[in-house]
Protein backbone atom coordinates (compact mmCIF):
# COMPACT_ATOMS: atom_id res chain seq x y z
CA UNK A 1 21.53 -17.29 11.75
CA UNK A 2 24.40 -15.21 10.57
CA UNK A 3 23.66 -11.77 10.05
CA UNK A 4 24.33 -9.82 7.01
CA UNK A 5 25.11 -5.95 6.38
CA UNK A 6 22.77 -4.14 3.85
CA UNK A 7 24.30 -4.26 0.46
CA UNK A 8 26.60 -7.25 1.52
CA UNK A 9 25.95 -10.51 -0.23
CA UNK A 10 24.09 -13.08 1.65
CA UNK A 11 24.29 -16.67 0.60
CA UNK A 12 20.94 -17.07 -2.19
CA UNK A 13 19.85 -18.22 -5.35
CA UNK A 14 18.44 -15.37 -6.85
CA UNK A 15 19.50 -14.33 -10.32
CA UNK A 16 19.07 -10.85 -12.50
CA UNK A 17 17.60 -12.60 -14.99
CA UNK A 18 13.72 -12.54 -15.34
CA UNK A 19 12.08 -15.79 -15.40
CA UNK A 20 10.23 -17.18 -18.25
CA UNK A 21 6.63 -15.62 -18.22
CA UNK A 22 3.67 -18.57 -18.71
CA UNK A 23 2.14 -16.41 -21.31
CA UNK A 24 3.29 -17.18 -24.93
CA UNK A 25 2.95 -13.64 -26.17
CA UNK A 26 4.56 -12.35 -22.95
CA UNK A 27 1.31 -9.98 -22.21
CA UNK A 28 0.47 -11.16 -18.70
CA UNK A 29 3.20 -11.16 -16.31
CA UNK A 30 2.87 -14.65 -14.66
CA UNK A 31 6.48 -16.03 -13.15
CA UNK A 32 7.84 -12.36 -12.70
CA UNK A 33 4.92 -11.24 -10.29
CA UNK A 34 5.14 -14.56 -8.13
CA UNK A 35 8.85 -14.00 -8.01
CA UNK A 36 8.23 -10.53 -6.57
CA UNK A 37 5.73 -11.29 -4.14
CA UNK A 38 7.86 -14.47 -2.92
CA UNK A 39 10.65 -11.84 -2.15
CA UNK A 40 8.67 -9.08 -0.85
CA UNK A 41 7.32 -11.83 1.45
CA UNK A 42 10.44 -13.03 2.36
CA UNK A 43 11.92 -9.52 3.24
CA UNK A 44 8.57 -8.73 5.60
CA UNK A 45 9.08 -11.71 7.40
CA UNK A 46 12.83 -11.19 7.92
CA UNK A 47 12.20 -7.80 9.09
CA UNK A 48 9.44 -8.96 11.44
CA UNK A 49 11.70 -11.10 12.97
CA UNK A 50 14.64 -8.94 13.34
CA UNK A 51 12.85 -6.09 14.64
CA UNK A 52 10.94 -8.33 17.02
CA UNK A 53 7.20 -7.11 15.95
CA UNK A 54 4.56 -9.00 17.51
CA UNK A 55 0.91 -9.35 17.34
CA UNK A 56 0.13 -6.66 19.42
CA UNK A 57 2.06 -4.20 17.63
CA UNK A 58 0.63 -5.03 14.12
CA UNK A 59 -2.97 -4.63 15.93
CA UNK A 60 -1.65 -1.25 17.38
CA UNK A 61 -0.92 -0.14 13.92
CA UNK A 62 -3.85 -1.45 12.37
CA UNK A 63 -6.71 -1.05 14.71
CA UNK A 64 -9.71 -0.57 12.45
CA UNK A 65 -8.55 -3.36 9.77
CA UNK A 66 -10.00 -7.01 10.05
CA UNK A 67 -7.02 -8.61 11.38
CA UNK A 68 -6.35 -5.57 13.89
CA UNK A 69 -9.91 -5.74 15.34
CA UNK A 70 -9.45 -9.98 15.41
CA UNK A 71 -6.28 -9.33 17.41
CA UNK A 72 -7.86 -6.69 19.94
CA UNK A 73 -11.41 -7.98 20.47
CA UNK A 74 -12.03 -9.86 23.50
CA UNK A 75 -15.10 -11.75 24.59
CA UNK A 76 -16.07 -9.13 27.30
CA UNK A 77 -16.33 -6.47 24.35
CA UNK A 78 -19.20 -8.48 22.93
CA UNK A 79 -20.43 -10.55 25.94
CA UNK A 80 -24.18 -9.84 26.95
CA UNK A 81 -24.33 -9.83 30.85
CA UNK A 82 -27.81 -10.69 32.53
CA UNK A 83 -28.27 -6.39 33.14
CA UNK A 84 -28.37 -6.06 29.58
CA UNK A 85 -31.85 -5.80 27.81
CA UNK A 86 -32.82 -6.30 23.84
């Protein structure tokens, strides 16, 4: 994959025009929020790959969250042994 400098124009199909919203009165943003989410996700995934961010990095930064706990939790942490009594 070719590398691009920040500010350089990479090959893309983005435009500066806002997409047409689904709401006929344009009261509720629909298409524009979807585009923003897609661009944000693409940027996040690209940075994960460029920086070599791993599951262990995520778990270390978010140990108390659901995903962090899921990544850090091991069977031994919740396993009952014969010496345990209820």
